[in-house]
Amino acid sequence: MNERRRMTGTVTSNKMMKTVVVKVDRTYRHPLYRKVVHASSKVKAHDLLGCNIGDVVSIVESAPISREKAWVVESIVKREGKSLNVAEEAVE
């Protein structure tokens, strides 16, 4: 396996051509106050799979594609409203 970072997030916008905005949520404990902190960030990712709003996708780090894009959609983990199974992919 390579050393590229991978993250999972939800697609919030797909209005650009071949680009989606992915919201990545993370939860961690504050180092001093020990309180649980919920943080999120939005990342623009290159999309060749045709993601829709609400899809849960896995993104992987890549070489810079444009000024703001340095991530690529690796796979669609869950489509909006249904999960992807091998049996469902065979039907489609």
C-alpha atoms as a PDB file:
ATOM      1  CA  MET A   1       0.000   0.000   0.000  1.00  0.00           C
ATOM      2  CA  ASN A   2       1.265   3.468  -0.756  1.00  0.00           C
ATOM      3  CA  GLU A   3       1.742   6.338   1.700  1.00  0.00           C
ATOM      4  CA  ARG A   4      -1.053   8.566   0.366  1.00  0.00           C
ATOM      5  CA  ARG A   5      -3.523   9.945   2.874  1.00  0.00           C
ATOM      6  CA  ARG A   6      -7.081   8.716   2.565  1.00  0.00           C
ATOM      7  CA  MET A   7     -10.206  10.290   4.034  1.00  0.00           C
ATOM      8  CA  THR A   8     -13.914   9.551   3.961  1.00  0.00           C
ATOM      9  CA  GLY A   9     -16.510  12.286   3.680  1.00  0.00           C
ATOM     10  CA  THR A  10     -19.865  13.380   2.313  1.00  0.00           C
ATOM     11  CA  VAL A  11     -20.331  15.159  -1.018  1.00  0.00           C
ATOM     12  CA  THR A  12     -21.910  18.578  -0.431  1.00  0.00           C
ATOM     13  CA  SER A  13     -21.677  20.047  -3.954  1.00  0.00           C
ATOM     14  CA  ASN A  14     -21.211  18.724  -7.477  1.00  0.00           C
ATOM     15  CA  LYS A  15     -21.951  21.863  -9.514  1.00  0.00           C
ATOM     16  CA  MET A  16     -18.462  22.129 -11.003  1.00  0.00           C
ATOM     17  CA  MET A  17     -17.245  20.069 -13.930  1.00  0.00           C
ATOM     18  CA  LYS A  18     -15.293  17.000 -12.737  1.00  0.00           C
ATOM     19  CA  THR A  19     -15.035  18.466  -9.239  1.00  0.00           C
ATOM     20  CA  VAL A  20     -16.938  17.751  -6.033  1.00  0.00           C
ATOM     21  CA  VAL A  21     -16.771  19.372  -2.612  1.00  0.00           C
ATOM     22  CA  VAL A  22     -16.366  16.782   0.138  1.00  0.00           C
ATOM     23  CA  LYS A  23     -17.060  17.570   3.793  1.00  0.00           C
ATOM     24  CA  VAL A  24     -14.747  15.555   6.056  1.00  0.00           C
ATOM     25  CA  ASP A  25     -15.745  15.296   9.726  1.00  0.00           C
ATOM     26  CA  ARG A  26     -13.299  14.317  12.445  1.00  0.00           C
ATOM     27  CA  THR A  27     -13.631  13.884  16.182  1.00  0.00           C
ATOM     28  CA  TYR A  28     -10.744  14.217  18.591  1.00  0.00           C
ATOM     29  CA  ARG A  29     -10.073  14.974  22.240  1.00  0.00           C
ATOM     30  CA  HIS A  30      -8.641  18.402  23.062  1.00  0.00           C
ATOM     31  CA  PRO A  31      -5.091  17.946  24.342  1.00  0.00           C
ATOM     32  CA  LEU A  32      -5.404  20.324  27.325  1.00  0.00           C
ATOM     33  CA  TYR A  33      -9.086  20.385  28.282  1.00  0.00           C
ATOM     34  CA  ARG A  34      -9.809  16.731  27.363  1.00  0.00           C
ATOM     35  CA  LYS A  35     -13.152  17.710  25.843  1.00  0.00           C
ATOM     36  CA  VAL A  36     -14.387  15.958  22.706  1.00  0.00           C
ATOM     37  CA  VAL A  37     -14.158  18.335  19.752  1.00  0.00           C
ATOM     38  CA  HIS A  38     -16.004  17.866  16.454  1.00  0.00           C
ATOM     39  CA  ALA A  39     -14.242  19.534  13.533  1.00  0.00           C
ATOM     40  CA  SER A  40     -15.009  19.495   9.821  1.00  0.00           C
ATOM     41  CA  SER A  41     -13.246  20.675   6.706  1.00  0.00           C
ATOM     42  CA  LYS A  42     -14.278  21.014   3.084  1.00  0.00           C
ATOM     43  CA  VAL A  43     -12.001  19.645   0.376  1.00  0.00           C
ATOM     44  CA  LYS A  44     -12.334  19.910  -3.401  1.00  0.00           C
ATOM     45  CA  ALA A  45     -11.719  16.590  -5.115  1.00  0.00           C
ATOM     46  CA  HIS A  46     -11.406  15.465  -8.739  1.00  0.00           C
ATOM     47  CA  ASP A  47     -14.405  13.302  -9.666  1.00  0.00           C
ATOM     48  CA  LEU A  48     -14.532  10.880 -12.585  1.00  0.00           C
ATOM     49  CA  LEU A  49     -17.134   8.544 -11.012  1.00  0.00           C
ATOM     50  CA  GLY A  50     -20.142  10.865 -11.173  1.00  0.00           C
ATOM     51  CA  CYS A  51     -20.857  11.507  -7.497  1.00  0.00           C
ATOM     52  CA  ASN A  52     -24.108  13.074  -6.352  1.00  0.00           C
ATOM     53  CA  ILE A  53     -24.886  15.251  -3.350  1.00  0.00           C
ATOM     54  CA  GLY A  54     -25.153  13.134  -0.196  1.00  0.00           C
ATOM     55  CA  ASP A  55     -22.891  10.315  -1.379  1.00  0.00           C
ATOM     56  CA  VAL A  56     -20.275   9.071   1.070  1.00  0.00           C
ATOM     57  CA  VAL A  57     -16.969   8.868  -0.799  1.00  0.00           C
ATOM     58  CA  SER A  58     -13.394   7.885  -0.129  1.00  0.00           C
ATOM     59  CA  ILE A  59     -10.821  10.407  -1.345  1.00  0.00           C
ATOM     60  CA  VAL A  60      -7.086   9.969  -1.777  1.00  0.00           C
ATOM     61  CA  GLU A  61      -4.290  12.516  -1.855  1.00  0.00           C
ATOM     62  CA  SER A  62      -2.700  13.206  -5.256  1.00  0.00           C
ATOM     63  CA  ALA A  63      -0.385  15.592  -7.024  1.00  0.00           C
ATOM     64  CA  PRO A  64      -1.967  19.030  -7.475  1.00  0.00           C
ATOM     65  CA  ILE A  65      -4.500  19.002 -10.321  1.00  0.00           C
ATOM     66  CA  SER A  66      -5.390  22.691 -10.118  1.00  0.00           C
ATOM     67  CA  ARG A  67      -4.950  25.565  -7.680  1.00  0.00           C
ATOM     68  CA  GLU A  68      -7.409  24.134  -5.150  1.00  0.00           C
ATOM     69  CA  LYS A  69      -7.597  20.430  -6.077  1.00  0.00           C
ATOM     70  CA  ALA A  70      -5.104  17.948  -4.677  1.00  0.00           C
ATOM     71  CA  TRP A  71      -7.495  15.080  -3.905  1.00  0.00           C
ATOM     72  CA  VAL A  72      -9.173  12.467  -6.136  1.00  0.00           C
ATOM     73  CA  VAL A  73     -12.370  10.502  -5.468  1.00  0.00           C
ATOM     74  CA  GLU A  74     -11.172   6.915  -5.080  1.00  0.00           C
ATOM     75  CA  SER A  75     -14.502   5.141  -4.584  1.00  0.00           C
ATOM     76  CA  ILE A  76     -18.112   5.721  -3.662  1.00  0.00           C
ATOM     77  CA  VAL A  77     -18.684   4.056  -0.302  1.00  0.00           C
ATOM     78  CA  LYS A  78     -22.423   4.696  -0.119  1.00  0.00           C
ATOM     79  CA  ARG A  79     -24.829   6.255  -2.592  1.00  0.00           C
ATOM     80  CA  GLU A  80     -27.476   8.633  -1.296  1.00  0.00           C
ATOM     81  CA  GLY A  81     -30.378   6.485  -0.129  1.00  0.00           C
ATOM     82  CA  LYS A  82     -28.738   3.075  -0.630  1.00  0.00           C
ATOM     83  CA  SER A  83     -25.516   1.204   0.019  1.00  0.00           C
ATOM     84  CA  LEU A  84     -23.395  -0.366  -2.696  1.00  0.00           C
ATOM     85  CA  ASN A  85     -23.299  -4.158  -2.660  1.00  0.00           C
ATOM     86  CA  VAL A  86     -21.952  -6.552  -5.250  1.00  0.00           C
ATOM     87  CA  ALA A  87     -25.474  -7.823  -5.949  1.00  0.00           C
ATOM     88  CA  GLU A  88     -26.798  -4.296  -6.530  1.00  0.00           C
ATOM     89  CA  GLU A  89     -23.931  -3.428  -8.872  1.00  0.00           C
ATOM     90  CA  ALA A  90     -24.721  -6.498 -10.990  1.00  0.00           C
ATOM     91  CA  VAL A  91     -28.337  -5.353 -11.421  1.00  0.00           C
ATOM     92  CA  GLU A  92     -27.386  -1.818 -12.504  1.00  0.00           C
END
